[in-house]
Each structure stands twice: as structure tokens, then as C-alpha cells.
C-alpha atoms as a PDB file:
ATOM      1  CA  MET A   1      21.789  16.736   2.762  1.00  0.00           C
ATOM      2  CA  THR A   2      19.121  18.692   0.882  1.00  0.00           C
ATOM      3  CA  MET A   3      20.377  17.550  -2.494  1.00  0.00           C
ATOM      4  CA  ASP A   4      19.965  14.021  -1.198  1.00  0.00           C
ATOM      5  CA  LYS A   5      16.317  14.794  -0.517  1.00  0.00           C
ATOM      6  CA  THR A   6      15.936  16.318  -3.985  1.00  0.00           C
ATOM      7  CA  SER A   7      17.586  13.282  -5.539  1.00  0.00           C
ATOM      8  CA  GLN A   8      15.358  10.990  -3.504  1.00  0.00           C
ATOM      9  CA  ILE A   9      12.188  12.772  -4.626  1.00  0.00           C
ATOM     10  CA  HIS A  10      13.425  12.866  -8.227  1.00  0.00           C
ATOM     11  CA  ARG A  11      14.177   9.135  -8.117  1.00  0.00           C
ATOM     12  CA  ARG A  12      10.795   8.340  -6.579  1.00  0.00           C
ATOM     13  CA  LYS A  13       9.151  10.451  -9.246  1.00  0.00           C
ATOM     14  CA  GLY A  14      10.568   8.116 -11.865  1.00  0.00           C
ATOM     15  CA  LEU A  15       9.480   5.088  -9.892  1.00  0.00           C
ATOM     16  CA  LEU A  16       5.977   6.477  -9.547  1.00  0.00           C
ATOM     17  CA  ASP A  17       5.681   6.856 -13.291  1.00  0.00           C
ATOM     18  CA  ASN A  18       6.668   3.227 -13.846  1.00  0.00           C
ATOM     19  CA  SER A  19       4.626   1.590 -11.105  1.00  0.00           C
ATOM     20  CA  ARG A  20       1.105   0.280 -11.109  1.00  0.00           C
ATOM     21  CA  ALA A  21      -1.431  -0.264  -8.370  1.00  0.00           C
ATOM     22  CA  SER A  22      -4.319  -1.679 -10.356  1.00  0.00           C
ATOM     23  CA  ALA A  23      -6.828  -4.279  -9.256  1.00  0.00           C
ATOM     24  CA  PHE A  24      -5.009  -6.742 -11.509  1.00  0.00           C
ATOM     25  CA  GLU A  25      -1.740  -6.093  -9.678  1.00  0.00           C
ATOM     26  CA  PHE A  26      -3.460  -6.812  -6.359  1.00  0.00           C
ATOM     27  CA  GLU A  27      -4.957 -10.012  -7.788  1.00  0.00           C
ATOM     28  CA  LEU A  28      -1.473 -11.141  -8.812  1.00  0.00           C
ATOM     29  CA  LEU A  29      -0.215 -10.330  -5.338  1.00  0.00           C
ATOM     30  CA  GLU A  30      -3.122 -12.209  -3.746  1.00  0.00           C
ATOM     31  CA  ASN A  31      -2.466 -15.293  -5.892  1.00  0.00           C
ATOM     32  CA  ALA A  32       1.229 -15.229  -5.045  1.00  0.00           C
ATOM     33  CA  CYS A  33       0.333 -14.933  -1.359  1.00  0.00           C
ATOM     34  CA  LYS A  34      -2.019 -17.935  -1.542  1.00  0.00           C
ATOM     35  CA  LYS A  35       0.678 -20.030  -3.209  1.00  0.00           C
ATOM     36  CA  ALA A  36       3.167 -19.024  -0.533  1.00  0.00           C
ATOM     37  CA  VAL A  37       0.757 -20.034   2.241  1.00  0.00           C
ATOM     38  CA  GLU A  38       0.202 -23.405   0.560  1.00  0.00           C
ATOM     39  CA  LYS A  39       3.964 -23.957   0.573  1.00  0.00           C
ATOM     40  CA  GLY A  40       4.218 -22.955   4.237  1.00  0.00           C
ATOM     41  CA  TYR A  41       6.029 -19.634   3.721  1.00  0.00           C
ATOM     42  CA  GLU A  42       5.571 -16.551   5.840  1.00  0.00           C
ATOM     43  CA  ILE A  43       3.353 -13.983   4.146  1.00  0.00           C
ATOM     44  CA  ASP A  44       4.554 -10.811   5.886  1.00  0.00           C
ATOM     45  CA  ILE A  45       6.307  -9.612   2.750  1.00  0.00           C
ATOM     46  CA  PHE A  46       3.037  -9.676   0.812  1.00  0.00           C
ATOM     47  CA  ALA A  47       1.410  -7.294   3.277  1.00  0.00           C
ATOM     48  CA  VAL A  48       4.381  -4.969   2.947  1.00  0.00           C
ATOM     49  CA  ARG A  49       4.142  -5.120  -0.867  1.00  0.00           C
ATOM     50  CA  ALA A  50       0.407  -4.344  -0.771  1.00  0.00           C
ATOM     51  CA  ILE A  51       0.924  -1.369   1.521  1.00  0.00           C
ATOM     52  CA  SER A  52       3.768  -0.152  -0.681  1.00  0.00           C
ATOM     53  CA  LYS A  53       1.539  -0.327  -3.763  1.00  0.00           C
ATOM     54  CA  ILE A  54      -1.137   1.710  -1.980  1.00  0.00           C
ATOM     55  CA  GLU A  55       1.448   4.284  -0.908  1.00  0.00           C
ATOM     56  CA  VAL A  56       2.831   4.608  -4.430  1.00  0.00           C
ATOM     57  CA  PHE A  57      -0.666   4.894  -5.883  1.00  0.00           C
ATOM     58  CA  THR A  58      -1.581   7.615  -3.364  1.00  0.00           C
ATOM     59  CA  ARG A  59       1.655   9.534  -3.875  1.00  0.00           C
ATOM     60  CA  ARG A  60       1.245   9.460  -7.665  1.00  0.00           C
ATOM     61  CA  TRP A  61      -2.321  10.803  -7.506  1.00  0.00           C
ATOM     62  CA  ILE A  62      -1.428  13.502  -4.975  1.00  0.00           C
ATOM     63  CA  ARG A  63       1.324  14.661  -7.326  1.00  0.00           C
ATOM     64  CA  GLN A  64      -0.949  14.659 -10.373  1.00  0.00           C
ATOM     65  CA  ILE A  65      -3.804  16.466  -8.622  1.00  0.00           C
ATOM     66  CA  VAL A  66      -1.574  19.137  -7.075  1.00  0.00           C
ATOM     67  CA  ASN A  67       0.198  19.731 -10.386  1.00  0.00           C
ATOM     68  CA  HIS A  68      -3.084  19.871 -12.312  1.00  0.00           C
ATOM     69  CA  SER A  69      -3.944  23.478 -11.506  1.00  0.00           C
ATOM     70  CA  HIS A  70      -3.088  26.413  -9.290  1.00  0.00           C
ATOM     71  CA  ASP A  71      -6.338  25.922  -7.335  1.00  0.00           C
ATOM     72  CA  TYR A  72      -5.347  22.398  -6.314  1.00  0.00           C
ATOM     73  CA  ALA A  73      -1.809  23.523  -5.488  1.00  0.00           C
ATOM     74  CA  ALA A  74      -3.225  26.262  -3.254  1.00  0.00           C
ATOM     75  CA  ARG A  75      -5.389  23.692  -1.457  1.00  0.00           C
ATOM     76  CA  ALA A  76      -2.298  21.551  -0.827  1.00  0.00           C
ATOM     77  CA  ILE A  77      -0.499  24.281   1.089  1.00  0.00           C
ATOM     78  CA  PRO A  78      -2.246  23.518   4.421  1.00  0.00           C
ATOM     79  CA  LEU A  79      -1.020  19.931   4.150  1.00  0.00           C
ATOM     80  CA  ILE A  80       2.619  21.039   4.278  1.00  0.00           C
ATOM     81  CA  GLN A  81       2.517  24.432   5.980  1.00  0.00           C
ATOM     82  CA  ASN A  82       3.633  23.043   9.357  1.00  0.00           C
ATOM     83  CA  THR A  83       6.841  21.641   7.874  1.00  0.00           C
ATOM     84  CA  LYS A  84      10.118  23.513   7.986  1.00  0.00           C
ATOM     85  CA  PRO A  85      10.833  25.252   4.652  1.00  0.00           C
ATOM     86  CA  ASP A  86      13.682  23.714   2.726  1.00  0.00           C
ATOM     87  CA  TYR A  87      14.834  26.471   0.402  1.00  0.00           C
ATOM     88  CA  GLU A  88      17.206  24.296  -1.598  1.00  0.00           C
ATOM     89  CA  LEU A  89      14.277  21.968  -2.274  1.00  0.00           C
ATOM     90  CA  VAL A  90      12.224  24.960  -3.416  1.00  0.00           C
ATOM     91  CA  LEU A  91      15.107  25.912  -5.704  1.00  0.00           C
ATOM     92  CA  SER A  92      14.948  22.412  -7.203  1.00  0.00           C
ATOM     93  CA  THR A  93      11.324  23.027  -8.160  1.00  0.00           C
ATOM     94  CA  SER A  94      12.359  26.136 -10.068  1.00  0.00           C
ATOM     95  CA  GLN A  95      14.952  24.097 -11.951  1.00  0.00           C
ATOM     96  CA  ASP A  96      12.281  21.568 -13.036  1.00  0.00           C
ATOM     97  CA  LEU A  97      13.975  18.660 -11.265  1.00  0.00           C
ATOM     98  CA  ILE A  98      10.859  18.099  -9.200  1.00  0.00           C
ATOM     99  CA  THR A  99       7.435  19.734  -9.068  1.00  0.00           C
ATOM    100  CA  PHE A 100       5.455  21.249  -6.236  1.00  0.00           C
ATOM    101  CA  GLY A 101       3.215  18.204  -6.461  1.00  0.00           C
ATOM    102  CA  ASP A 102       6.258  15.962  -5.898  1.00  0.00           C
ATOM    103  CA  VAL A 103       7.145  17.919  -2.762  1.00  0.00           C
ATOM    104  CA  VAL A 104       3.580  17.711  -1.406  1.00  0.00           C
ATOM    105  CA  ALA A 105       3.290  13.989  -2.189  1.00  0.00           C
ATOM    106  CA  HIS A 106       6.651  13.258  -0.574  1.00  0.00           C
ATOM    107  CA  THR A 107       5.801  15.312   2.514  1.00  0.00           C
ATOM    108  CA  VAL A 108       2.302  13.911   2.999  1.00  0.00           C
ATOM    109  CA  SER A 109       3.107  10.235   2.565  1.00  0.00           C
END
């Protein structure tokens, strides 16, 4: 089960690198939502997409900040210290599959 979690974080890591959450992306989403409303479609999916973009954006920046320096990594420890240690996941960080920042970002969000 732990390798599944490692694989999931590793896969998300790749998705984070390829995703965008810029103002332009939100404008495109807003325009698509307006067109859908004009056609009489439900717009629930657009809210889900917007929230997903925010989550991805937040997760990416958490990862980058935590991985930036030891000081930031040390400050991230209180965010995850109440979680149960997953030693196989820690082993994955030593094998460079995922980083400590990936673990923090996955745990926090």
C-alpha cells in the first residue's frame, strides 16, 4: 500500500510540473463557464476545475518552498508532525523518487 502512495505522489509531482494556475488560465475557465451558462449547461464542473487549479498551484509552491532550503524544510515539520510516520515513504525520499517537499505538499493538501 505504501508503494501506491509513493507512486501517487511521484505521479502528482509530474502533473504539478506540467500544470498551470495563472490568471490567464482562470480567464479561460471563466469564459468557458459563461458560454456553458448561455447554452443552459450546469456549471458545477467549472467550480471543481477552479478549485483543482488552486490546489495544484498551492501544492506546487509548498513543494518548491520546502525544497528550497533546510530552514524552510525545518519550518514544514510542524505541519506534518501529527501524522503517522510512513517509513517506506521516507525511504522513497532517500531514493530520489520524491522529495521531502513532495511529502509535505501531499500531506498538507
